């Protein structure tokens, strides 16, 4: 399953117990293979078929062959994350303009 955490894409490798998953960002981001808590992850419907202890190189090839990056960019999860990133990157004046636009919309 493809997942996102803090704006980085990565893949869930397997679940450790009830609360953690082994994840890897091979081919998608610089997210290192590590155990991560499930409550901090977001699940998408994008999947790739992969053997259980596959290497990072194998995962990178499978992800590239399945065009996962393009499929993700066409998803609503990507649009939501892009909107969130834009908001985080906005300066004070941009936030002010947004608040004025909201006020104007509410008056209509």
PDB file of N, CA and C in Angstrom:
ATOM      1  N   UNK A   1       0.824  -1.178   0.000  1.00  0.00           N
ATOM      2  CA  UNK A   1       0.000   0.000   0.000  1.00  0.00           C
ATOM      3  C   UNK A   1       0.869   1.243   0.000  1.00  0.00           C
ATOM      4  N   UNK A   2       0.503   2.195  -0.803  1.00  0.00           N
ATOM      5  CA  UNK A   2       1.231   3.456  -0.804  1.00  0.00           C
ATOM      6  C   UNK A   2       0.671   4.315   0.311  1.00  0.00           C
ATOM      7  N   UNK A   3       1.534   4.967   1.048  1.00  0.00           N
ATOM      8  CA  UNK A   3       1.100   5.811   2.141  1.00  0.00           C
ATOM      9  C   UNK A   3       1.890   7.100   2.133  1.00  0.00           C
ATOM     10  N   UNK A   4       1.438   8.070   2.920  1.00  0.00           N
ATOM     11  CA  UNK A   4       2.129   9.347   3.027  1.00  0.00           C
ATOM     12  C   UNK A   4       2.278   9.706   4.494  1.00  0.00           C
ATOM     13  N   UNK A   5       3.409  10.277   4.821  1.00  0.00           N
ATOM     14  CA  UNK A   5       3.615  10.823   6.150  1.00  0.00           C
ATOM     15  C   UNK A   5       4.478  12.065   6.003  1.00  0.00           C
ATOM     16  N   UNK A   6       4.050  13.147   6.584  1.00  0.00           N
ATOM     17  CA  UNK A   6       4.773  14.416   6.524  1.00  0.00           C
ATOM     18  C   UNK A   6       5.156  14.784   5.102  1.00  0.00           C
ATOM     19  N   UNK A   7       4.270  14.535   4.147  1.00  0.00           N
ATOM     20  CA  UNK A   7       4.500  14.938   2.774  1.00  0.00           C
ATOM     21  C   UNK A   7       5.417  14.031   1.983  1.00  0.00           C
ATOM     22  N   UNK A   8       5.836  12.920   2.542  1.00  0.00           N
ATOM     23  CA  UNK A   8       6.731  12.009   1.821  1.00  0.00           C
ATOM     24  C   UNK A   8       5.975  10.742   1.465  1.00  0.00           C
ATOM     25  N   UNK A   9       6.214  10.263   0.271  1.00  0.00           N
ATOM     26  CA  UNK A   9       5.580   9.029  -0.156  1.00  0.00           C
ATOM     27  C   UNK A   9       6.466   7.853   0.210  1.00  0.00           C
ATOM     28  N   UNK A  10       5.835   6.742   0.516  1.00  0.00           N
ATOM     29  CA  UNK A  10       6.565   5.528   0.827  1.00  0.00           C
ATOM     30  C   UNK A  10       5.613   4.359   0.760  1.00  0.00           C
ATOM     31  N   UNK A  11       6.109   3.162   0.919  1.00  0.00           N
ATOM     32  CA  UNK A  11       5.288   1.960   0.851  1.00  0.00           C
ATOM     33  C   UNK A  11       5.367   1.175   2.139  1.00  0.00           C
ATOM     34  N   UNK A  12       4.217   0.661   2.527  1.00  0.00           N
ATOM     35  CA  UNK A  12       4.174  -0.205   3.692  1.00  0.00           C
ATOM     36  C   UNK A  12       4.707  -1.562   3.281  1.00  0.00           C
ATOM     37  N   UNK A  13       5.637  -2.082   4.030  1.00  0.00           N
ATOM     38  CA  UNK A  13       6.238  -3.370   3.714  1.00  0.00           C
ATOM     39  C   UNK A  13       5.521  -4.506   4.437  1.00  0.00           C
ATOM     40  N   UNK A  14       5.318  -4.381   5.734  1.00  0.00           N
ATOM     41  CA  UNK A  14       4.555  -5.366   6.488  1.00  0.00           C
ATOM     42  C   UNK A  14       4.194  -4.761   7.838  1.00  0.00           C
ATOM     43  N   UNK A  15       3.267  -5.403   8.527  1.00  0.00           N
ATOM     44  CA  UNK A  15       2.792  -4.896   9.811  1.00  0.00           C
ATOM     45  C   UNK A  15       3.539  -5.602  10.938  1.00  0.00           C
ATOM     46  N   UNK A  16       4.010  -4.821  11.916  1.00  0.00           N
ATOM     47  CA  UNK A  16       4.650  -5.360  13.121  1.00  0.00           C
ATOM     48  C   UNK A  16       3.629  -5.309  14.239  1.00  0.00           C
ATOM     49  N   UNK A  17       3.127  -6.434  14.660  1.00  0.00           N
ATOM     50  CA  UNK A  17       2.160  -6.434  15.756  1.00  0.00           C
ATOM     51  C   UNK A  17       0.888  -5.702  15.355  1.00  0.00           C
ATOM     52  N   UNK A  18       0.299  -4.990  16.294  1.00  0.00           N
ATOM     53  CA  UNK A  18      -0.958  -4.298  16.023  1.00  0.00           C
ATOM     54  C   UNK A  18      -0.775  -2.834  15.682  1.00  0.00           C
ATOM     55  N   UNK A  19       0.324  -2.223  16.110  1.00  0.00           N
ATOM     56  CA  UNK A  19       0.421  -0.773  16.047  1.00  0.00           C
ATOM     57  C   UNK A  19       1.516  -0.223  15.145  1.00  0.00           C
ATOM     58  N   UNK A  20       2.335  -1.052  14.533  1.00  0.00           N
ATOM     59  CA  UNK A  20       3.465  -0.552  13.748  1.00  0.00           C
ATOM     60  C   UNK A  20       3.547  -1.268  12.407  1.00  0.00           C
ATOM     61  N   UNK A  21       4.168  -0.587  11.441  1.00  0.00           N
ATOM     62  CA  UNK A  21       4.366  -1.168  10.115  1.00  0.00           C
ATOM     63  C   UNK A  21       5.789  -0.879   9.664  1.00  0.00           C
ATOM     64  N   UNK A  22       6.386  -1.798   8.904  1.00  0.00           N
ATOM     65  CA  UNK A  22       7.687  -1.576   8.291  1.00  0.00           C
ATOM     66  C   UNK A  22       7.436  -0.857   6.976  1.00  0.00           C
ATOM     67  N   UNK A  23       8.066   0.297   6.790  1.00  0.00           N
ATOM     68  CA  UNK A  23       7.814   1.126   5.609  1.00  0.00           C
ATOM     69  C   UNK A  23       9.119   1.457   4.893  1.00  0.00           C
ATOM     70  N   UNK A  24       9.004   1.804   3.606  1.00  0.00           N
ATOM     71  CA  UNK A  24      10.180   2.134   2.801  1.00  0.00           C
ATOM     72  C   UNK A  24       9.760   3.132   1.724  1.00  0.00           C
ATOM     73  N   UNK A  25      10.593   4.125   1.450  1.00  0.00           N
ATOM     74  CA  UNK A  25      10.273   5.144   0.450  1.00  0.00           C
ATOM     75  C   UNK A  25      10.985   4.924  -0.871  1.00  0.00           C
ATOM     76  N   UNK A  26      11.383   3.716  -1.173  1.00  0.00           N
ATOM     77  CA  UNK A  26      12.172   3.409  -2.361  1.00  0.00           C
ATOM     78  C   UNK A  26      11.542   3.951  -3.636  1.00  0.00           C
ATOM     79  N   UNK A  27      12.308   4.760  -4.350  1.00  0.00           N
ATOM     80  CA  UNK A  27      11.859   5.268  -5.634  1.00  0.00           C
ATOM     81  C   UNK A  27      10.879   6.423  -5.541  1.00  0.00           C
ATOM     82  N   UNK A  28      10.397   6.743  -4.367  1.00  0.00           N
ATOM     83  CA  UNK A  28       9.405   7.799  -4.216  1.00  0.00           C
ATOM     84  C   UNK A  28       9.926   8.979  -3.421  1.00  0.00           C
ATOM     85  N   UNK A  29      10.704   8.710  -2.383  1.00  0.00           N
ATOM     86  CA  UNK A  29      11.221   9.779  -1.537  1.00  0.00           C
ATOM     87  C   UNK A  29      12.468   9.274  -0.825  1.00  0.00           C
ATOM     88  N   UNK A  30      13.022  10.105   0.039  1.00  0.00           N
ATOM     89  CA  UNK A  30      14.213   9.722   0.788  1.00  0.00           C
ATOM     90  C   UNK A  30      13.849   9.080   2.130  1.00  0.00           C
ATOM     91  N   UNK A  31      12.620   8.620   2.262  1.00  0.00           N
ATOM     92  CA  UNK A  31      12.146   7.988   3.490  1.00  0.00           C
ATOM     93  C   UNK A  31      12.842   6.641   3.659  1.00  0.00           C
ATOM     94  N   UNK A  32      13.633   6.497   4.698  1.00  0.00           N
ATOM     95  CA  UNK A  32      14.399   5.272   4.927  1.00  0.00           C
ATOM     96  C   UNK A  32      13.489   4.151   5.423  1.00  0.00           C
ATOM     97  N   UNK A  33      13.909   2.901   5.203  1.00  0.00           N
ATOM     98  CA  UNK A  33      13.149   1.754   5.696  1.00  0.00           C
ATOM     99  C   UNK A  33      13.201   1.768   7.217  1.00  0.00           C
ATOM    100  N   UNK A  34      12.012   1.752   7.829  1.00  0.00           N
ATOM    101  CA  UNK A  34      11.934   1.813   9.280  1.00  0.00           C
ATOM    102  C   UNK A  34      10.564   1.370   9.756  1.00  0.00           C
ATOM    103  N   UNK A  35      10.467   1.087  11.025  1.00  0.00           N
ATOM    104  CA  UNK A  35       9.195   0.763  11.652  1.00  0.00           C
ATOM    105  C   UNK A  35       8.516   2.073  12.020  1.00  0.00           C
ATOM    106  N   UNK A  36       7.198   2.164  11.752  1.00  0.00           N
ATOM    107  CA  UNK A  36       6.490   3.420  11.948  1.00  0.00           C
ATOM    108  C   UNK A  36       5.118   3.134  12.550  1.00  0.00           C
ATOM    109  N   UNK A  37       4.602   3.986  13.451  1.00  0.00           N
ATOM    110  CA  UNK A  37       3.285   3.741  14.054  1.00  0.00           C
ATOM    111  C   UNK A  37       2.150   3.923  13.036  1.00  0.00           C
ATOM    112  N   UNK A  38       1.188   3.006  13.074  1.00  0.00           N
ATOM    113  CA  UNK A  38       0.084   3.033  12.119  1.00  0.00           C
ATOM    114  C   UNK A  38      -0.793   4.274  12.261  1.00  0.00           C
ATOM    115  N   UNK A  39      -0.933   4.815  13.454  1.00  0.00           N
ATOM    116  CA  UNK A  39      -1.826   5.954  13.626  1.00  0.00           C
ATOM    117  C   UNK A  39      -1.295   7.224  12.971  1.00  0.00           C
ATOM    118  N   UNK A  40      -0.031   7.242  12.560  1.00  0.00           N
ATOM    119  CA  UNK A  40       0.532   8.422  11.888  1.00  0.00           C
ATOM    120  C   UNK A  40       0.597   8.246  10.376  1.00  0.00           C
ATOM    121  N   UNK A  41      -0.020   7.204   9.846  1.00  0.00           N
ATOM    122  CA  UNK A  41       0.043   6.905   8.416  1.00  0.00           C
ATOM    123  C   UNK A  41      -1.301   7.144   7.747  1.00  0.00           C
ATOM    124  N   UNK A  42      -1.252   7.447   6.454  1.00  0.00           N
ATOM    125  CA  UNK A  42      -2.461   7.612   5.652  1.00  0.00           C
ATOM    126  C   UNK A  42      -2.436   6.577   4.530  1.00  0.00           C
ATOM    127  N   UNK A  43      -3.473   5.798   4.415  1.00  0.00           N
ATOM    128  CA  UNK A  43      -3.541   4.724   3.435  1.00  0.00           C
ATOM    129  C   UNK A  43      -4.222   5.198   2.159  1.00  0.00           C
ATOM    130  N   UNK A  44      -3.640   4.850   1.009  1.00  0.00           N
ATOM    131  CA  UNK A  44      -4.290   5.102  -0.278  1.00  0.00           C
ATOM    132  C   UNK A  44      -4.606   3.754  -0.919  1.00  0.00           C
ATOM    133  N   UNK A  45      -5.293   3.751  -2.047  1.00  0.00           N
ATOM    134  CA  UNK A  45      -5.682   2.510  -2.693  1.00  0.00           C
ATOM    135  C   UNK A  45      -4.647   1.992  -3.692  1.00  0.00           C
ATOM    136  N   UNK A  46      -3.537   2.682  -3.832  1.00  0.00           N
ATOM    137  CA  UNK A  46      -2.514   2.264  -4.786  1.00  0.00           C
ATOM    138  C   UNK A  46      -1.707   1.105  -4.212  1.00  0.00           C
ATOM    139  N   UNK A  47      -1.569   0.044  -5.014  1.00  0.00           N
ATOM    140  CA  UNK A  47      -0.864  -1.152  -4.559  1.00  0.00           C
ATOM    141  C   UNK A  47       0.099  -1.631  -5.629  1.00  0.00           C
ATOM    142  N   UNK A  48       1.123  -2.371  -5.201  1.00  0.00           N
ATOM    143  CA  UNK A  48       2.007  -3.089  -6.105  1.00  0.00           C
ATOM    144  C   UNK A  48       2.211  -4.488  -5.536  1.00  0.00           C
ATOM    145  N   UNK A  49       2.361  -5.457  -6.414  1.00  0.00           N
ATOM    146  CA  UNK A  49       2.621  -6.826  -5.980  1.00  0.00           C
ATOM    147  C   UNK A  49       4.109  -6.958  -5.681  1.00  0.00           C
ATOM    148  N   UNK A  50       4.423  -7.463  -4.506  1.00  0.00           N
ATOM    149  CA  UNK A  50       5.808  -7.503  -4.067  1.00  0.00           C
ATOM    150  C   UNK A  50       6.019  -8.677  -3.123  1.00  0.00           C
ATOM    151  N   UNK A  51       7.177  -9.316  -3.247  1.00  0.00           N
ATOM    152  CA  UNK A  51       7.518 -10.410  -2.336  1.00  0.00           C
ATOM    153  C   UNK A  51       7.769  -9.861  -0.940  1.00  0.00           C
ATOM    154  N   UNK A  52       7.713 -10.716   0.064  1.00  0.00           N
ATOM    155  CA  UNK A  52       7.808 -10.258   1.444  1.00  0.00           C
ATOM    156  C   UNK A  52       9.165  -9.665   1.764  1.00  0.00           C
ATOM    157  N   UNK A  53      10.227  -9.988   1.713  1.00  0.00           N
ATOM    158  CA  UNK A  53      11.446  -9.287   2.094  1.00  0.00           C
ATOM    159  C   UNK A  53      12.182  -8.744   0.870  1.00  0.00           C
ATOM    160  N   UNK A  54      11.490  -8.084  -0.015  1.00  0.00           N
ATOM    161  CA  UNK A  54      12.091  -7.548  -1.236  1.00  0.00           C
ATOM    162  C   UNK A  54      13.062  -6.416  -0.911  1.00  0.00           C
ATOM    163  N   UNK A  55      14.117  -6.319  -1.711  1.00  0.00           N
ATOM    164  CA  UNK A  55      15.105  -5.252  -1.519  1.00  0.00           C
ATOM    165  C   UNK A  55      14.572  -3.919  -2.027  1.00  0.00           C
ATOM    166  N   UNK A  56      15.267  -2.869  -1.639  1.00  0.00           N
ATOM    167  CA  UNK A  56      14.886  -1.524  -2.045  1.00  0.00           C
ATOM    168  C   UNK A  56      14.966  -1.375  -3.566  1.00  0.00           C
ATOM    169  N   UNK A  57      15.978  -1.970  -4.170  1.00  0.00           N
ATOM    170  CA  UNK A  57      16.153  -1.902  -5.619  1.00  0.00           C
ATOM    171  C   UNK A  57      14.958  -2.544  -6.338  1.00  0.00           C
ATOM    172  N   UNK A  58      14.497  -3.679  -5.832  1.00  0.00           N
ATOM    173  CA  UNK A  58      13.349  -4.364  -6.418  1.00  0.00           C
ATOM    174  C   UNK A  58      12.094  -3.520  -6.279  1.00  0.00           C
ATOM    175  N   UNK A  59      11.893  -2.948  -5.118  1.00  0.00           N
ATOM    176  CA  UNK A  59      10.736  -2.090  -4.892  1.00  0.00           C
ATOM    177  C   UNK A  59      10.752  -0.883  -5.821  1.00  0.00           C
ATOM    178  N   UNK A  60      11.924  -0.298  -6.022  1.00  0.00           N
ATOM    179  CA  UNK A  60      12.054   0.857  -6.912  1.00  0.00           C
ATOM    180  C   UNK A  60      11.642   0.488  -8.336  1.00  0.00           C
ATOM    181  N   UNK A  61      12.071  -0.682  -8.817  1.00  0.00           N
ATOM    182  CA  UNK A  61      11.715  -1.129 -10.168  1.00  0.00           C
ATOM    183  C   UNK A  61      10.217  -1.364 -10.305  1.00  0.00           C
ATOM    184  N   UNK A  62       9.623  -2.001  -9.317  1.00  0.00           N
ATOM    185  CA  UNK A  62       8.193  -2.304  -9.366  1.00  0.00           C
ATOM    186  C   UNK A  62       7.365  -1.021  -9.349  1.00  0.00           C
ATOM    187  N   UNK A  63       7.768  -0.073  -8.527  1.00  0.00           N
ATOM    188  CA  UNK A  63       7.062   1.208  -8.439  1.00  0.00           C
ATOM    189  C   UNK A  63       7.155   1.963  -9.768  1.00  0.00           C
ATOM    190  N   UNK A  64       8.336   1.962 -10.380  1.00  0.00           N
ATOM    191  CA  UNK A  64       8.513   2.648 -11.663  1.00  0.00           C
ATOM    192  C   UNK A  64       7.689   1.977 -12.762  1.00  0.00           C
ATOM    193  N   UNK A  65       7.649   0.651 -12.770  1.00  0.00           N
ATOM    194  CA  UNK A  65       6.910  -0.077 -13.803  1.00  0.00           C
ATOM    195  C   UNK A  65       5.399   0.126 -13.674  1.00  0.00           C
ATOM    196  N   UNK A  66       4.920   0.328 -12.453  1.00  0.00           N
ATOM    197  CA  UNK A  66       3.478   0.482 -12.228  1.00  0.00           C
ATOM    198  C   UNK A  66       3.005   1.926 -12.369  1.00  0.00           C
ATOM    199  N   UNK A  67       3.908   2.863 -12.665  1.00  0.00           N
ATOM    200  CA  UNK A  67       3.562   4.286 -12.807  1.00  0.00           C
ATOM    201  C   UNK A  67       2.810   4.815 -11.588  1.00  0.00           C
ATOM    202  N   UNK A  68       3.272   4.456 -10.423  1.00  0.00           N
ATOM    203  CA  UNK A  68       2.611   4.836  -9.184  1.00  0.00           C
ATOM    204  C   UNK A  68       2.629   6.355  -8.980  1.00  0.00           C
ATOM    205  N   UNK A  69       3.731   6.993  -9.323  1.00  0.00           N
ATOM    206  CA  UNK A  69       3.821   8.449  -9.128  1.00  0.00           C
ATOM    207  C   UNK A  69       2.748   9.173  -9.930  1.00  0.00           C
ATOM    208  N   UNK A  70       2.534   8.775 -11.186  1.00  0.00           N
ATOM    209  CA  UNK A  70       1.516   9.407 -12.023  1.00  0.00           C
ATOM    210  C   UNK A  70       0.117   9.127 -11.489  1.00  0.00           C
ATOM    211  N   UNK A  71      -0.122   7.904 -11.050  1.00  0.00           N
ATOM    212  CA  UNK A  71      -1.431   7.549 -10.504  1.00  0.00           C
ATOM    213  C   UNK A  71      -1.710   8.342  -9.228  1.00  0.00           C
ATOM    214  N   UNK A  72      -0.678   8.522  -8.427  1.00  0.00           N
ATOM    215  CA  UNK A  72      -0.861   9.277  -7.189  1.00  0.00           C
ATOM    216  C   UNK A  72      -1.174  10.744  -7.487  1.00  0.00           C
ATOM    217  N   UNK A  73      -0.505  11.314  -8.475  1.00  0.00           N
ATOM    218  CA  UNK A  73      -0.745  12.711  -8.822  1.00  0.00           C
ATOM    219  C   UNK A  73      -2.144  12.934  -9.388  1.00  0.00           C
ATOM    220  N   UNK A  74      -2.783  11.874  -9.876  1.00  0.00           N
ATOM    221  CA  UNK A  74      -4.146  11.980 -10.388  1.00  0.00           C
ATOM    222  C   UNK A  74      -5.185  11.740  -9.289  1.00  0.00           C
ATOM    223  N   UNK A  75      -4.758  11.399  -8.085  1.00  0.00           N
ATOM    224  CA  UNK A  75      -5.687  11.063  -7.006  1.00  0.00           C
ATOM    225  C   UNK A  75      -6.104  12.288  -6.203  1.00  0.00           C
ATOM    226  N   UNK A  76      -7.179  12.129  -5.451  1.00  0.00           N
ATOM    227  CA  UNK A  76      -7.648  13.213  -4.586  1.00  0.00           C
ATOM    228  C   UNK A  76      -6.728  13.402  -3.388  1.00  0.00           C
ATOM    229  N   UNK A  77      -6.029  12.352  -2.967  1.00  0.00           N
ATOM    230  CA  UNK A  77      -5.085  12.459  -1.848  1.00  0.00           C
ATOM    231  C   UNK A  77      -3.945  13.416  -2.208  1.00  0.00           C
ATOM    232  N   UNK A  78      -3.507  13.388  -3.465  1.00  0.00           N
ATOM    233  CA  UNK A  78      -2.452  14.298  -3.914  1.00  0.00           C
ATOM    234  C   UNK A  78      -2.952  15.742  -3.884  1.00  0.00           C
ATOM    235  N   UNK A  79      -4.175  15.953  -4.365  1.00  0.00           N
ATOM    236  CA  UNK A  79      -4.738  17.301  -4.372  1.00  0.00           C
ATOM    237  C   UNK A  79      -4.862  17.837  -2.955  1.00  0.00           C
ATOM    238  N   UNK A  80      -5.280  16.980  -2.038  1.00  0.00           N
ATOM    239  CA  UNK A  80      -5.420  17.398  -0.644  1.00  0.00           C
ATOM    240  C   UNK A  80      -4.062  17.767  -0.046  1.00  0.00           C
ATOM    241  N   UNK A  81      -3.047  16.966  -0.322  1.00  0.00           N
ATOM    242  CA  UNK A  81      -1.715  17.244   0.215  1.00  0.00           C
ATOM    243  C   UNK A  81      -1.121  18.503  -0.422  1.00  0.00           C
ATOM    244  N   UNK A  82      -1.365  18.710  -1.718  1.00  0.00           N
ATOM    245  CA  UNK A  82      -0.859  19.905  -2.396  1.00  0.00           C
ATOM    246  C   UNK A  82      -1.493  21.163  -1.804  1.00  0.00           C
ATOM    247  N   UNK A  83      -2.781  21.089  -1.511  1.00  0.00           N
ATOM    248  CA  UNK A  83      -3.475  22.214  -0.900  1.00  0.00           C
ATOM    249  C   UNK A  83      -2.910  22.502   0.488  1.00  0.00           C
ATOM    250  N   UNK A  84      -2.656  21.452   1.246  1.00  0.00           N
ATOM    251  CA  UNK A  84      -2.092  21.600   2.586  1.00  0.00           C
ATOM    252  C   UNK A  84      -0.691  22.201   2.523  1.00  0.00           C
ATOM    253  N   UNK A  85       0.105  21.779   1.567  1.00  0.00           N
ATOM    254  CA  UNK A  85       1.457  22.304   1.404  1.00  0.00           C
ATOM    255  C   UNK A  85       1.433  23.779   1.024  1.00  0.00           C
ATOM    256  N   UNK A  86       0.497  24.149   0.128  1.00  0.00           N
ATOM    257  CA  UNK A  86       0.351  25.559  -0.258  1.00  0.00           C
ATOM    258  C   UNK A  86       0.001  26.421   0.952  1.00  0.00           C
ATOM    259  N   UNK A  87      -0.892  25.924   1.784  1.00  0.00           N
ATOM    260  CA  UNK A  87      -1.267  26.676   2.979  1.00  0.00           C
ATOM    261  C   UNK A  87      -0.089  26.847   3.927  1.00  0.00           C
ATOM    262  N   UNK A  88       0.691  25.792   4.104  1.00  0.00           N
ATOM    263  CA  UNK A  88       1.847  25.863   4.997  1.00  0.00           C
ATOM    264  C   UNK A  88       2.904  26.829   4.479  1.00  0.00           C
ATOM    265  N   UNK A  89       3.024  26.936   3.163  1.00  0.00           N
ATOM    266  CA  UNK A  89       4.058  27.773   2.558  1.00  0.00           C
ATOM    267  C   UNK A  89       3.633  29.233   2.403  1.00  0.00           C
ATOM    268  N   UNK A  90       2.366  29.530   2.675  1.00  0.00           N
ATOM    269  CA  UNK A  90       1.861  30.891   2.473  1.00  0.00           C
ATOM    270  C   UNK A  90       2.479  31.864   3.478  1.00  0.00           C
ATOM    271  N   UNK A  91       2.767  33.065   2.995  1.00  0.00           N
ATOM    272  CA  UNK A  91       3.272  34.101   3.904  1.00  0.00           C
ATOM    273  C   UNK A  91       2.080  34.870   4.494  1.00  0.00           C
ATOM    274  N   UNK A  92       2.356  35.833   5.319  1.00  0.00           N
ATOM    275  CA  UNK A  92       1.313  36.560   6.028  1.00  0.00           C
ATOM    276  C   UNK A  92       0.362  37.294   5.073  1.00  0.00           C
ATOM    277  N   UNK A  93       0.907  37.923   4.042  1.00  0.00           N
ATOM    278  CA  UNK A  93       0.069  38.657   3.099  1.00  0.00           C
ATOM    279  C   UNK A  93      -0.849  37.713   2.325  1.00  0.00           C
ATOM    280  N   UNK A  94      -0.341  36.562   1.929  1.00  0.00           N
ATOM    281  CA  UNK A  94      -1.173  35.597   1.211  1.00  0.00           C
ATOM    282  C   UNK A  94      -2.310  35.092   2.091  1.00  0.00           C
ATOM    283  N   UNK A  95      -2.021  34.824   3.373  1.00  0.00           N
ATOM    284  CA  UNK A  95      -3.074  34.409   4.297  1.00  0.00           C
ATOM    285  C   UNK A  95      -4.116  35.514   4.467  1.00  0.00           C
ATOM    286  N   UNK A  96      -3.666  36.773   4.479  1.00  0.00           N
ATOM    287  CA  UNK A  96      -4.576  37.911   4.580  1.00  0.00           C
ATOM    288  C   UNK A  96      -5.498  37.966   3.361  1.00  0.00           C
ATOM    289  N   UNK A  97      -4.941  37.773   2.161  1.00  0.00           N
ATOM    290  CA  UNK A  97      -5.757  37.788   0.947  1.00  0.00           C
ATOM    291  C   UNK A  97      -6.798  36.670   0.966  1.00  0.00           C
ATOM    292  N   UNK A  98      -6.416  35.509   1.488  1.00  0.00           N
ATOM    293  CA  UNK A  98      -7.356  34.392   1.586  1.00  0.00           C
ATOM    294  C   UNK A  98      -8.493  34.745   2.536  1.00  0.00           C
ATOM    295  N   UNK A  99      -8.165  35.363   3.661  1.00  0.00           N
ATOM    296  CA  UNK A  99      -9.218  35.730   4.620  1.00  0.00           C
ATOM    297  C   UNK A  99     -10.163  36.765   4.012  1.00  0.00           C
ATOM    298  N   UNK A 100      -9.637  37.707   3.230  1.00  0.00           N
ATOM    299  CA  UNK A 100     -10.510  38.683   2.554  1.00  0.00           C
ATOM    300  C   UNK A 100     -11.431  37.997   1.546  1.00  0.00           C
ATOM    301  N   UNK A 101     -10.904  37.045   0.816  1.00  0.00           N
ATOM    302  CA  UNK A 101     -11.716  36.317  -0.157  1.00  0.00           C
ATOM    303  C   UNK A 101     -12.817  35.521   0.545  1.00  0.00           C
ATOM    304  N   UNK A 102     -12.498  34.929   1.703  1.00  0.00           N
ATOM    305  CA  UNK A 102     -13.511  34.189   2.459  1.00  0.00           C
ATOM    306  C   UNK A 102     -14.621  35.116   2.943  1.00  0.00           C
ATOM    307  N   UNK A 103     -14.231  36.297   3.430  1.00  0.00           N
ATOM    308  CA  UNK A 103     -15.237  37.267   3.883  1.00  0.00           C
ATOM    309  C   UNK A 103     -16.154  37.664   2.738  1.00  0.00           C
ATOM    310  N   UNK A 104     -15.561  37.903   1.582  1.00  0.00           N
ATOM    311  CA  UNK A 104     -16.333  38.314   0.413  1.00  0.00           C
ATOM    312  C   UNK A 104     -17.308  37.213  -0.019  1.00  0.00           C
ATOM    313  N   UNK A 105     -16.849  35.961   0.032  1.00  0.00           N
ATOM    314  CA  UNK A 105     -17.711  34.834  -0.316  1.00  0.00           C
ATOM    315  C   UNK A 105     -18.878  34.691   0.651  1.00  0.00           C
ATOM    316  N   UNK A 106     -18.623  34.907   1.937  1.00  0.00           N
ATOM    317  CA  UNK A 106     -19.672  34.774   2.953  1.00  0.00           C
ATOM    318  C   UNK A 106     -20.739  35.852   2.778  1.00  0.00           C
ATOM    319  N   UNK A 107     -20.381  36.990   2.268  1.00  0.00           N
ATOM    320  CA  UNK A 107     -21.347  38.065   2.078  1.00  0.00           C
ATOM    321  C   UNK A 107     -22.306  37.803   0.921  1.00  0.00           C
ATOM    322  N   UNK A 108     -21.901  36.929  -0.002  1.00  0.00           N
ATOM    323  CA  UNK A 108     -22.755  36.647  -1.161  1.00  0.00           C
ATOM    324  C   UNK A 108     -23.910  35.770  -0.823  1.00  0.00           C
TER     325      UNK A 108
END
